[in-house]
C-alpha atoms as a PDB file:
ATOM      1  CA  UNK A   1      61.515 209.886 263.541  1.00  0.00           C
ATOM      2  CA  UNK A   2      59.279 207.005 263.396  1.00  0.00           C
ATOM      3  CA  UNK A   3      60.695 203.531 264.356  1.00  0.00           C
ATOM      4  CA  UNK A   4      59.776 200.772 261.939  1.00  0.00           C
ATOM      5  CA  UNK A   5      56.629 198.986 262.890  1.00  0.00           C
ATOM      6  CA  UNK A   6      56.052 195.315 262.521  1.00  0.00           C
ATOM      7  CA  UNK A   7      52.875 193.575 261.686  1.00  0.00           C
ATOM      8  CA  UNK A   8      51.696 190.485 263.487  1.00  0.00           C
ATOM      9  CA  UNK A   9      52.497 188.372 260.485  1.00  0.00           C
ATOM     10  CA  UNK A  10      56.212 189.672 260.580  1.00  0.00           C
ATOM     11  CA  UNK A  11      56.398 188.874 264.196  1.00  0.00           C
ATOM     12  CA  UNK A  12      55.005 185.446 263.834  1.00  0.00           C
ATOM     13  CA  UNK A  13      57.378 184.638 260.998  1.00  0.00           C
ATOM     14  CA  UNK A  14      60.411 185.846 263.016  1.00  0.00           C
ATOM     15  CA  UNK A  15      59.216 183.647 266.170  1.00  0.00           C
ATOM     16  CA  UNK A  16      58.689 180.691 263.784  1.00  0.00           C
ATOM     17  CA  UNK A  17      62.240 181.115 262.366  1.00  0.00           C
ATOM     18  CA  UNK A  18      63.802 181.318 265.701  1.00  0.00           C
ATOM     19  CA  UNK A  19      61.950 178.208 266.806  1.00  0.00           C
ATOM     20  CA  UNK A  20      63.223 176.361 263.982  1.00  0.00           C
ATOM     21  CA  UNK A  21      66.867 177.353 264.461  1.00  0.00           C
ATOM     22  CA  UNK A  22      66.588 176.416 268.212  1.00  0.00           C
ATOM     23  CA  UNK A  23      65.078 172.982 267.100  1.00  0.00           C
ATOM     24  CA  UNK A  24      67.986 172.281 264.626  1.00  0.00           C
ATOM     25  CA  UNK A  25      70.501 173.267 267.190  1.00  0.00           C
ATOM     26  CA  UNK A  26      68.893 170.839 269.750  1.00  0.00           C
ATOM     27  CA  UNK A  27      68.957 168.062 267.050  1.00  0.00           C
ATOM     28  CA  UNK A  28      72.748 168.717 266.257  1.00  0.00           C
ATOM     29  CA  UNK A  29      73.476 168.541 270.020  1.00  0.00           C
ATOM     30  CA  UNK A  30      71.762 165.222 270.441  1.00  0.00           C
ATOM     31  CA  UNK A  31      74.150 163.326 268.524  1.00  0.00           C
ATOM     32  CA  UNK A  32      75.686 160.392 270.364  1.00  0.00           C
ATOM     33  CA  UNK A  33      78.570 161.336 272.806  1.00  0.00           C
ATOM     34  CA  UNK A  34      81.130 158.842 273.991  1.00  0.00           C
ATOM     35  CA  UNK A  35      80.736 160.174 277.659  1.00  0.00           C
ATOM     36  CA  UNK A  36      76.954 159.226 277.362  1.00  0.00           C
ATOM     37  CA  UNK A  37      77.575 155.563 277.162  1.00  0.00           C
ATOM     38  CA  UNK A  38      76.822 155.409 273.311  1.00  0.00           C
ATOM     39  CA  UNK A  39      79.290 153.376 271.496  1.00  0.00           C
ATOM     40  CA  UNK A  40      80.995 155.706 268.879  1.00  0.00           C
ATOM     41  CA  UNK A  41      82.091 154.267 265.747  1.00  0.00           C
ATOM     42  CA  UNK A  42      85.479 154.374 264.177  1.00  0.00           C
ATOM     43  CA  UNK A  43      86.815 154.162 260.712  1.00  0.00           C
ATOM     44  CA  UNK A  44      85.992 150.821 259.360  1.00  0.00           C
ATOM     45  CA  UNK A  45      82.946 149.981 261.397  1.00  0.00           C
ATOM     46  CA  UNK A  46      79.879 149.149 259.462  1.00  0.00           C
ATOM     47  CA  UNK A  47      77.487 151.061 261.554  1.00  0.00           C
ATOM     48  CA  UNK A  48      77.357 154.933 261.566  1.00  0.00           C
ATOM     49  CA  UNK A  49      77.074 157.092 264.661  1.00  0.00           C
ATOM     50  CA  UNK A  50      73.282 156.774 264.845  1.00  0.00           C
ATOM     51  CA  UNK A  51      73.219 152.820 264.642  1.00  0.00           C
ATOM     52  CA  UNK A  52      72.155 152.521 260.908  1.00  0.00           C
ATOM     53  CA  UNK A  53      74.081 149.864 259.093  1.00  0.00           C
ATOM     54  CA  UNK A  54      74.695 151.875 255.908  1.00  0.00           C
ATOM     55  CA  UNK A  55      77.913 149.800 254.895  1.00  0.00           C
ATOM     56  CA  UNK A  56      75.822 146.559 254.966  1.00  0.00           C
ATOM     57  CA  UNK A  57      73.031 148.320 253.011  1.00  0.00           C
ATOM     58  CA  UNK A  58      75.909 149.195 250.459  1.00  0.00           C
ATOM     59  CA  UNK A  59      77.044 145.646 250.534  1.00  0.00           C
ATOM     60  CA  UNK A  60      73.741 144.370 249.750  1.00  0.00           C
ATOM     61  CA  UNK A  61      73.368 146.930 246.842  1.00  0.00           C
ATOM     62  CA  UNK A  62      76.765 145.857 245.453  1.00  0.00           C
ATOM     63  CA  UNK A  63      75.777 142.238 245.645  1.00  0.00           C
ATOM     64  CA  UNK A  64      72.388 142.851 243.792  1.00  0.00           C
ATOM     65  CA  UNK A  65      74.386 144.646 240.910  1.00  0.00           C
ATOM     66  CA  UNK A  66      77.109 141.891 240.795  1.00  0.00           C
ATOM     67  CA  UNK A  67      74.828 139.214 239.687  1.00  0.00           C
ATOM     68  CA  UNK A  68      72.252 139.660 236.680  1.00  0.00           C
ATOM     69  CA  UNK A  69      69.938 137.896 234.409  1.00  0.00           C
ATOM     70  CA  UNK A  70      69.637 134.612 236.352  1.00  0.00           C
ATOM     71  CA  UNK A  71      68.103 132.026 234.027  1.00  0.00           C
ATOM     72  CA  UNK A  72      67.298 128.284 233.773  1.00  0.00           C
ATOM     73  CA  UNK A  73      67.511 125.993 230.772  1.00  0.00           C
ATOM     74  CA  UNK A  74      68.248 122.695 229.340  1.00  0.00           C
ATOM     75  CA  UNK A  75      71.402 123.577 227.295  1.00  0.00           C
ATOM     76  CA  UNK A  76      74.338 126.033 227.727  1.00  0.00           C
ATOM     77  CA  UNK A  77      75.692 128.001 224.805  1.00  0.00           C
ATOM     78  CA  UNK A  78      79.351 128.337 223.988  1.00  0.00           C
ATOM     79  CA  UNK A  79      79.432 131.642 225.985  1.00  0.00           C
ATOM     80  CA  UNK A  80      78.196 130.092 229.300  1.00  0.00           C
ATOM     81  CA  UNK A  81      74.687 131.490 229.045  1.00  0.00           C
ATOM     82  CA  UNK A  82      71.542 129.538 228.350  1.00  0.00           C
ATOM     83  CA  UNK A  83      71.549 128.475 224.687  1.00  0.00           C
ATOM     84  CA  UNK A  84      69.213 130.462 222.568  1.00  0.00           C
ATOM     85  CA  UNK A  85      65.789 128.770 222.622  1.00  0.00           C
ATOM     86  CA  UNK A  86      66.670 126.574 225.565  1.00  0.00           C
ATOM     87  CA  UNK A  87      65.405 128.607 228.436  1.00  0.00           C
ATOM     88  CA  UNK A  88      62.992 126.634 230.312  1.00  0.00           C
ATOM     89  CA  UNK A  89      61.663 126.231 233.834  1.00  0.00           C
ATOM     90  CA  UNK A  90      59.863 122.876 233.284  1.00  0.00           C
ATOM     91  CA  UNK A  91      61.865 119.765 233.768  1.00  0.00           C
ATOM     92  CA  UNK A  92      61.381 116.108 234.437  1.00  0.00           C
ATOM     93  CA  UNK A  93      62.687 114.471 237.450  1.00  0.00           C
ATOM     94  CA  UNK A  94      66.314 113.196 236.699  1.00  0.00           C
ATOM     95  CA  UNK A  95      66.812 116.047 234.107  1.00  0.00           C
ATOM     96  CA  UNK A  96      69.931 118.213 234.100  1.00  0.00           C
ATOM     97  CA  UNK A  97      69.118 121.738 234.940  1.00  0.00           C
ATOM     98  CA  UNK A  98      71.357 124.566 233.901  1.00  0.00           C
ATOM     99  CA  UNK A  99      71.369 127.889 235.762  1.00  0.00           C
ATOM    100  CA  UNK A 100      73.390 130.734 234.208  1.00  0.00           C
ATOM    101  CA  UNK A 101      73.831 134.281 235.390  1.00  0.00           C
ATOM    102  CA  UNK A 102      75.925 137.200 234.276  1.00  0.00           C
ATOM    103  CA  UNK A 103      78.793 138.128 236.596  1.00  0.00           C
ATOM    104  CA  UNK A 104      80.617 140.638 234.598  1.00  0.00           C
ATOM    105  CA  UNK A 105      80.252 143.291 237.346  1.00  0.00           C
ATOM    106  CA  UNK A 106      81.169 140.840 240.070  1.00  0.00           C
ATOM    107  CA  UNK A 107      84.561 140.683 241.860  1.00  0.00           C
ATOM    108  CA  UNK A 108      87.004 138.006 240.870  1.00  0.00           C
ATOM    109  CA  UNK A 109      87.154 135.331 243.652  1.00  0.00           C
ATOM    110  CA  UNK A 110      83.809 136.162 245.075  1.00  0.00           C
ATOM    111  CA  UNK A 111      81.708 133.277 246.218  1.00  0.00           C
ATOM    112  CA  UNK A 112      78.325 132.426 244.526  1.00  0.00           C
ATOM    113  CA  UNK A 113      76.243 129.796 246.231  1.00  0.00           C
ATOM    114  CA  UNK A 114      72.964 128.263 244.711  1.00  0.00           C
ATOM    115  CA  UNK A 115      70.821 126.467 247.204  1.00  0.00           C
ATOM    116  CA  UNK A 116      67.673 124.411 246.139  1.00  0.00           C
ATOM    117  CA  UNK A 117      64.574 123.935 248.302  1.00  0.00           C
ATOM    118  CA  UNK A 118      62.196 121.213 247.625  1.00  0.00           C
ATOM    119  CA  UNK A 119      58.181 121.278 247.583  1.00  0.00           C
ATOM    120  CA  UNK A 120      58.448 120.533 251.146  1.00  0.00           C
ATOM    121  CA  UNK A 121      60.539 123.532 252.030  1.00  0.00           C
ATOM    122  CA  UNK A 122      63.689 121.344 252.936  1.00  0.00           C
ATOM    123  CA  UNK A 123      67.052 122.009 251.294  1.00  0.00           C
ATOM    124  CA  UNK A 124      67.319 119.583 248.185  1.00  0.00           C
ATOM    125  CA  UNK A 125      70.824 120.537 247.274  1.00  0.00           C
ATOM    126  CA  UNK A 126      73.398 123.302 247.041  1.00  0.00           C
ATOM    127  CA  UNK A 127      76.782 124.076 245.175  1.00  0.00           C
ATOM    128  CA  UNK A 128      78.914 127.074 245.349  1.00  0.00           C
ATOM    129  CA  UNK A 129      81.636 128.516 242.878  1.00  0.00           C
ATOM    130  CA  UNK A 130      84.288 131.236 242.803  1.00  0.00           C
ATOM    131  CA  UNK A 131      83.942 133.777 240.086  1.00  0.00           C
ATOM    132  CA  UNK A 132      86.849 133.638 237.667  1.00  0.00           C
ATOM    133  CA  UNK A 133      88.763 136.875 236.644  1.00  0.00           C
ATOM    134  CA  UNK A 134      86.975 138.297 233.496  1.00  0.00           C
ATOM    135  CA  UNK A 135      84.269 135.992 233.711  1.00  0.00           C
ATOM    136  CA  UNK A 136      81.090 137.122 231.903  1.00  0.00           C
ATOM    137  CA  UNK A 137      78.833 134.330 232.891  1.00  0.00           C
ATOM    138  CA  UNK A 138      78.741 131.538 235.794  1.00  0.00           C
ATOM    139  CA  UNK A 139      76.799 128.536 235.562  1.00  0.00           C
ATOM    140  CA  UNK A 140      75.694 125.804 237.470  1.00  0.00           C
ATOM    141  CA  UNK A 141      74.652 122.064 236.419  1.00  0.00           C
ATOM    142  CA  UNK A 142      71.905 120.780 238.755  1.00  0.00           C
ATOM    143  CA  UNK A 143      71.283 116.993 238.672  1.00  0.00           C
ATOM    144  CA  UNK A 144      67.874 116.386 239.717  1.00  0.00           C
ATOM    145  CA  UNK A 145      68.059 112.613 239.860  1.00  0.00           C
ATOM    146  CA  UNK A 146      66.100 111.467 243.042  1.00  0.00           C
ATOM    147  CA  UNK A 147      64.185 114.658 243.370  1.00  0.00           C
ATOM    148  CA  UNK A 148      60.418 114.278 243.733  1.00  0.00           C
ATOM    149  CA  UNK A 149      57.953 115.955 241.619  1.00  0.00           C
ATOM    150  CA  UNK A 150      56.914 119.578 242.449  1.00  0.00           C
ATOM    151  CA  UNK A 151      57.881 123.149 242.484  1.00  0.00           C
ATOM    152  CA  UNK A 152      61.523 123.886 243.695  1.00  0.00           C
ATOM    153  CA  UNK A 153      62.844 127.180 244.697  1.00  0.00           C
ATOM    154  CA  UNK A 154      66.373 128.378 244.249  1.00  0.00           C
ATOM    155  CA  UNK A 155      68.293 130.947 245.917  1.00  0.00           C
ATOM    156  CA  UNK A 156      71.374 132.691 244.445  1.00  0.00           C
ATOM    157  CA  UNK A 157      73.796 134.028 247.133  1.00  0.00           C
ATOM    158  CA  UNK A 158      76.738 136.314 246.372  1.00  0.00           C
ATOM    159  CA  UNK A 159      79.115 136.688 249.120  1.00  0.00           C
ATOM    160  CA  UNK A 160      76.680 135.693 251.793  1.00  0.00           C
ATOM    161  CA  UNK A 161      73.934 138.222 250.419  1.00  0.00           C
ATOM    162  CA  UNK A 162      70.899 136.902 248.686  1.00  0.00           C
ATOM    163  CA  UNK A 163      70.525 138.306 245.304  1.00  0.00           C
ATOM    164  CA  UNK A 164      68.025 136.275 243.326  1.00  0.00           C
ATOM    165  CA  UNK A 165      65.374 133.671 243.654  1.00  0.00           C
ATOM    166  CA  UNK A 166      64.072 131.346 240.910  1.00  0.00           C
ATOM    167  CA  UNK A 167      61.523 128.586 240.556  1.00  0.00           C
ATOM    168  CA  UNK A 168      61.703 125.299 238.519  1.00  0.00           C
ATOM    169  CA  UNK A 169      58.899 122.796 238.161  1.00  0.00           C
ATOM    170  CA  UNK A 170      59.547 119.038 238.063  1.00  0.00           C
ATOM    171  CA  UNK A 171      56.963 116.899 236.563  1.00  0.00           C
ATOM    172  CA  UNK A 172      56.918 113.746 234.668  1.00  0.00           C
ATOM    173  CA  UNK A 173      57.192 114.025 230.765  1.00  0.00           C
ATOM    174  CA  UNK A 174      53.373 113.250 230.285  1.00  0.00           C
ATOM    175  CA  UNK A 175      52.554 115.902 233.162  1.00  0.00           C
ATOM    176  CA  UNK A 176      54.669 118.670 231.663  1.00  0.00           C
ATOM    177  CA  UNK A 177      53.033 118.189 228.216  1.00  0.00           C
ATOM    178  CA  UNK A 178      49.556 118.610 229.448  1.00  0.00           C
END
């Protein structure tokens, strides 16, 4: 009776499979243990056992999905969005700038903050509002009286997560027409 003979290729494949199984076993055993001085997480912690902040990443993703279609213009429509044909990002100093955003996926009571930075990079103004139940749009009315000419950068924050950035340009009426 002849015993089954193996080829070198079969032996190599078997050896490779054993090495992979051993490596996977070693990875499974290297997870943090409380007795090794590594902090273990408990239910409700934001970091998982390997130190990644998956809950915070989820919060940022939820925030990004809550605020949509941020736009600027010189007039609001009846629904709270920028009126049709009134979208604009060029204004004269002293104009009122309207900022509107869709908040239909946001949680009622959540805070939205709009922060403006001037051409010099310094904060030029800010405002915050809570989202009302069943709101479709949230809008801000920005008074640019006293603001210098230049490009202004706005940041939209939803429950302390940056979700959008926008720019407006302030120029004298003659400059804006050129």
